[in-house]
Amino acid sequence: MNKSELISAVAAEAGLSKVDAKKAIEAFVSTVTNTLASGDKVALIGFGTFSVTEKSARTGINPATKQTINIPAKKVAKFKAGAELNDKIK
């Protein structure tokens, strides 16, 4: 499902216009992004938790040249599905 399909599905499910559904989805994504960027996490009970984890620096190998490279530390977004979501997927 891509963004436009998600907008259509949300509009149909909530009885909203596609314009309103698009605004709601964009506001949700923006809010989650800003919250994660500030270092906080977003927990939606029954759905899951968005958080930021830090990957430490490590040494890797360039597969094309077989040379060792240093991979710098970085922060990555992470999503952990909640119990209710996992139960519905099974």
N, C-alpha and C. Protein backbone atom coordinates (compact mmCIF):
# COMPACT_ATOMS: atom_id res chain seq x y z
N MET A 1 0.86 -1.17 0.00
CA MET A 1 0.00 0.00 0.00
C MET A 1 0.91 1.24 0.00
N ASN A 2 0.67 2.11 -0.94
CA ASN A 2 1.44 3.36 -0.99
C ASN A 2 0.64 4.48 -0.30
N LYS A 3 1.20 5.67 -0.30
CA LYS A 3 0.59 6.78 0.43
C LYS A 3 -0.80 7.13 -0.09
N SER A 4 -0.97 7.18 -1.40
CA SER A 4 -2.29 7.56 -1.94
C SER A 4 -3.33 6.48 -1.64
N GLU A 5 -2.92 5.21 -1.65
CA GLU A 5 -3.85 4.14 -1.29
C GLU A 5 -4.20 4.21 0.20
N LEU A 6 -3.23 4.57 1.03
CA LEU A 6 -3.48 4.73 2.46
C LEU A 6 -4.46 5.87 2.70
N ILE A 7 -4.27 6.97 2.01
CA ILE A 7 -5.18 8.11 2.14
C ILE A 7 -6.60 7.71 1.77
N SER A 8 -6.76 6.98 0.67
CA SER A 8 -8.09 6.53 0.24
C SER A 8 -8.70 5.59 1.28
N ALA A 9 -7.90 4.67 1.82
CA ALA A 9 -8.41 3.72 2.80
C ALA A 9 -8.82 4.42 4.09
N VAL A 10 -8.03 5.37 4.55
CA VAL A 10 -8.35 6.11 5.77
C VAL A 10 -9.61 6.95 5.55
N ALA A 11 -9.71 7.57 4.39
CA ALA A 11 -10.90 8.38 4.08
C ALA A 11 -12.15 7.51 4.11
N ALA A 12 -12.08 6.33 3.52
CA ALA A 12 -13.23 5.44 3.49
C ALA A 12 -13.57 4.92 4.89
N GLU A 13 -12.55 4.53 5.65
CA GLU A 13 -12.75 3.97 6.99
C GLU A 13 -13.33 4.99 7.96
N ALA A 14 -12.85 6.23 7.88
CA ALA A 14 -13.26 7.26 8.84
C ALA A 14 -14.40 8.14 8.34
N GLY A 15 -14.80 7.94 7.09
CA GLY A 15 -15.87 8.77 6.54
C GLY A 15 -15.42 10.20 6.31
N LEU A 16 -14.15 10.39 5.95
CA LEU A 16 -13.60 11.71 5.69
C LEU A 16 -13.41 11.92 4.20
N SER A 17 -13.22 13.17 3.83
CA SER A 17 -12.83 13.43 2.44
C SER A 17 -11.36 13.05 2.30
N LYS A 18 -10.93 12.83 1.08
CA LYS A 18 -9.53 12.48 0.85
C LYS A 18 -8.60 13.62 1.26
N VAL A 19 -9.06 14.86 1.11
CA VAL A 19 -8.26 16.01 1.50
C VAL A 19 -8.04 16.01 3.01
N ASP A 20 -9.11 15.75 3.77
CA ASP A 20 -8.99 15.71 5.23
C ASP A 20 -8.14 14.53 5.68
N ALA A 21 -8.31 13.38 5.03
CA ALA A 21 -7.51 12.20 5.37
C ALA A 21 -6.03 12.44 5.09
N LYS A 22 -5.74 13.12 3.98
CA LYS A 22 -4.35 13.44 3.64
C LYS A 22 -3.75 14.36 4.70
N LYS A 23 -4.51 15.38 5.12
CA LYS A 23 -4.03 16.30 6.16
C LYS A 23 -3.77 15.55 7.46
N ALA A 24 -4.65 14.62 7.82
CA ALA A 24 -4.50 13.86 9.06
C ALA A 24 -3.26 12.97 9.01
N ILE A 25 -3.05 12.29 7.90
CA ILE A 25 -1.89 11.41 7.76
C ILE A 25 -0.60 12.22 7.77
N GLU A 26 -0.58 13.33 7.05
CA GLU A 26 0.61 14.18 7.03
C GLU A 26 0.90 14.76 8.40
N ALA A 27 -0.14 15.12 9.15
CA ALA A 27 0.05 15.64 10.51
C ALA A 27 0.60 14.55 11.42
N PHE A 28 0.10 13.33 11.28
CA PHE A 28 0.59 12.20 12.08
C PHE A 28 2.07 11.94 11.79
N VAL A 29 2.42 11.86 10.51
CA VAL A 29 3.81 11.59 10.13
C VAL A 29 4.72 12.72 10.62
N SER A 30 4.30 13.94 10.47
CA SER A 30 5.09 15.09 10.91
C SER A 30 5.29 15.07 12.42
N THR A 31 4.24 14.79 13.15
CA THR A 31 4.32 14.76 14.61
C THR A 31 5.24 13.65 15.09
N VAL A 32 5.11 12.46 14.51
CA VAL A 32 5.98 11.35 14.89
C VAL A 32 7.43 11.67 14.55
N THR A 33 7.67 12.22 13.37
CA THR A 33 9.02 12.58 12.95
C THR A 33 9.64 13.61 13.89
N ASN A 34 8.91 14.64 14.22
CA ASN A 34 9.43 15.69 15.12
C ASN A 34 9.68 15.14 16.52
N THR A 35 8.81 14.27 16.99
CA THR A 35 8.98 13.67 18.31
C THR A 35 10.23 12.80 18.36
N LEU A 36 10.43 11.98 17.33
CA LEU A 36 11.61 11.12 17.27
C LEU A 36 12.88 11.96 17.14
N ALA A 37 12.82 13.04 16.37
CA ALA A 37 13.99 13.90 16.18
C ALA A 37 14.40 14.57 17.49
N SER A 38 13.44 14.80 18.37
CA SER A 38 13.75 15.41 19.66
C SER A 38 14.23 14.38 20.69
N GLY A 39 14.24 13.10 20.31
CA GLY A 39 14.76 12.07 21.19
C GLY A 39 13.71 11.34 22.00
N ASP A 40 12.45 11.68 21.84
CA ASP A 40 11.38 11.01 22.57
C ASP A 40 10.85 9.83 21.77
N LYS A 41 9.96 9.05 22.38
CA LYS A 41 9.34 7.95 21.65
C LYS A 41 7.83 8.16 21.59
N VAL A 42 7.19 7.48 20.65
CA VAL A 42 5.75 7.58 20.47
C VAL A 42 5.17 6.18 20.68
N ALA A 43 4.34 6.04 21.69
CA ALA A 43 3.73 4.74 22.01
C ALA A 43 2.23 4.82 21.73
N LEU A 44 1.75 3.96 20.86
CA LEU A 44 0.33 3.86 20.55
C LEU A 44 -0.13 2.51 21.08
N ILE A 45 -0.81 2.52 22.22
CA ILE A 45 -1.21 1.30 22.89
C ILE A 45 -2.03 0.43 21.93
N GLY A 46 -1.65 -0.82 21.81
CA GLY A 46 -2.33 -1.75 20.93
C GLY A 46 -1.78 -1.77 19.51
N PHE A 47 -1.06 -0.74 19.13
CA PHE A 47 -0.50 -0.69 17.77
C PHE A 47 1.00 -0.92 17.80
N GLY A 48 1.72 -0.08 18.54
CA GLY A 48 3.16 -0.25 18.63
C GLY A 48 3.86 1.00 19.11
N THR A 49 5.20 0.93 19.12
CA THR A 49 6.01 2.03 19.62
C THR A 49 7.07 2.42 18.60
N PHE A 50 7.13 3.70 18.32
CA PHE A 50 8.19 4.26 17.47
C PHE A 50 9.25 4.80 18.41
N SER A 51 10.52 4.49 18.15
CA SER A 51 11.60 4.99 18.99
C SER A 51 12.85 5.19 18.15
N VAL A 52 13.86 5.78 18.78
CA VAL A 52 15.14 6.00 18.12
C VAL A 52 16.19 5.19 18.88
N THR A 53 16.97 4.42 18.16
CA THR A 53 18.08 3.69 18.78
C THR A 53 19.37 4.17 18.15
N GLU A 54 20.44 3.98 18.88
CA GLU A 54 21.74 4.42 18.38
C GLU A 54 22.57 3.20 18.01
N LYS A 55 23.04 3.18 16.78
CA LYS A 55 23.95 2.11 16.34
C LYS A 55 25.37 2.60 16.54
N SER A 56 26.17 1.79 17.18
CA SER A 56 27.55 2.20 17.45
C SER A 56 28.40 2.09 16.19
N ALA A 57 29.53 2.77 16.21
CA ALA A 57 30.47 2.71 15.09
C ALA A 57 31.02 1.30 15.01
N ARG A 58 31.29 0.85 13.79
CA ARG A 58 31.81 -0.49 13.61
C ARG A 58 32.65 -0.56 12.35
N THR A 59 33.34 -1.66 12.19
CA THR A 59 34.17 -1.88 11.01
C THR A 59 33.41 -2.82 10.08
N GLY A 60 33.39 -2.48 8.80
CA GLY A 60 32.72 -3.31 7.81
C GLY A 60 33.64 -3.60 6.65
N ILE A 61 33.13 -4.35 5.69
CA ILE A 61 33.92 -4.71 4.51
C ILE A 61 33.15 -4.28 3.27
N ASN A 62 33.83 -3.55 2.38
CA ASN A 62 33.23 -3.17 1.11
C ASN A 62 33.18 -4.43 0.24
N PRO A 63 31.98 -4.91 -0.12
CA PRO A 63 31.90 -6.17 -0.86
C PRO A 63 32.53 -6.11 -2.26
N ALA A 64 32.60 -4.93 -2.84
CA ALA A 64 33.15 -4.82 -4.19
C ALA A 64 34.68 -4.89 -4.18
N THR A 65 35.29 -4.23 -3.19
CA THR A 65 36.76 -4.16 -3.16
C THR A 65 37.39 -5.01 -2.07
N LYS A 66 36.57 -5.55 -1.18
CA LYS A 66 37.02 -6.35 -0.03
C LYS A 66 37.88 -5.54 0.95
N GLN A 67 37.85 -4.22 0.86
CA GLN A 67 38.61 -3.38 1.77
C GLN A 67 37.81 -3.14 3.04
N THR A 68 38.51 -2.98 4.15
CA THR A 68 37.86 -2.67 5.42
C THR A 68 37.50 -1.19 5.44
N ILE A 69 36.31 -0.91 5.91
CA ILE A 69 35.86 0.48 6.02
C ILE A 69 35.32 0.72 7.42
N ASN A 70 35.37 1.95 7.85
CA ASN A 70 34.80 2.33 9.15
C ASN A 70 33.40 2.87 8.91
N ILE A 71 32.43 2.29 9.61
CA ILE A 71 31.05 2.74 9.52
C ILE A 71 30.78 3.58 10.76
N PRO A 72 30.45 4.86 10.59
CA PRO A 72 30.27 5.74 11.75
C PRO A 72 29.00 5.41 12.54
N ALA A 73 28.96 5.85 13.78
CA ALA A 73 27.77 5.69 14.62
C ALA A 73 26.63 6.51 14.02
N LYS A 74 25.41 6.04 14.23
CA LYS A 74 24.25 6.78 13.73
C LYS A 74 23.01 6.43 14.53
N LYS A 75 22.02 7.27 14.42
CA LYS A 75 20.72 7.02 15.04
C LYS A 75 19.77 6.51 13.98
N VAL A 76 18.94 5.53 14.35
CA VAL A 76 17.98 4.96 13.40
C VAL A 76 16.60 4.89 14.05
N ALA A 77 15.58 5.06 13.23
CA ALA A 77 14.21 4.93 13.70
C ALA A 77 13.87 3.45 13.81
N LYS A 78 13.06 3.11 14.80
CA LYS A 78 12.71 1.71 15.06
C LYS A 78 11.22 1.65 15.39
N PHE A 79 10.56 0.58 14.95
CA PHE A 79 9.16 0.37 15.28
C PHE A 79 9.02 -1.02 15.88
N LYS A 80 8.37 -1.10 17.03
CA LYS A 80 8.10 -2.39 17.64
C LYS A 80 6.59 -2.54 17.71
N ALA A 81 6.07 -3.56 17.03
CA ALA A 81 4.63 -3.78 16.99
C ALA A 81 4.11 -4.17 18.35
N GLY A 82 2.91 -3.71 18.68
CA GLY A 82 2.26 -4.04 19.94
C GLY A 82 1.62 -5.42 19.88
N ALA A 83 1.22 -5.93 21.03
CA ALA A 83 0.65 -7.27 21.14
C ALA A 83 -0.63 -7.42 20.31
N GLU A 84 -1.50 -6.43 20.36
CA GLU A 84 -2.77 -6.52 19.62
C GLU A 84 -2.52 -6.58 18.12
N LEU A 85 -1.57 -5.77 17.63
CA LEU A 85 -1.25 -5.79 16.20
C LEU A 85 -0.67 -7.14 15.81
N ASN A 86 0.23 -7.67 16.62
CA ASN A 86 0.80 -8.98 16.33
C ASN A 86 -0.26 -10.07 16.32
N ASP A 87 -1.23 -10.00 17.24
CA ASP A 87 -2.29 -10.99 17.28
C ASP A 87 -3.17 -10.94 16.03
N LYS A 88 -3.43 -9.75 15.52
CA LYS A 88 -4.28 -9.60 14.34
C LYS A 88 -3.57 -10.06 13.07
N ILE A 89 -2.25 -9.98 13.07
CA ILE A 89 -1.48 -10.40 11.89
C ILE A 89 -1.40 -11.92 11.80
N LYS A 90 -1.37 -12.58 12.93
CA LYS A 90 -1.21 -14.05 12.93
C LYS A 90 -2.35 -14.76 12.28
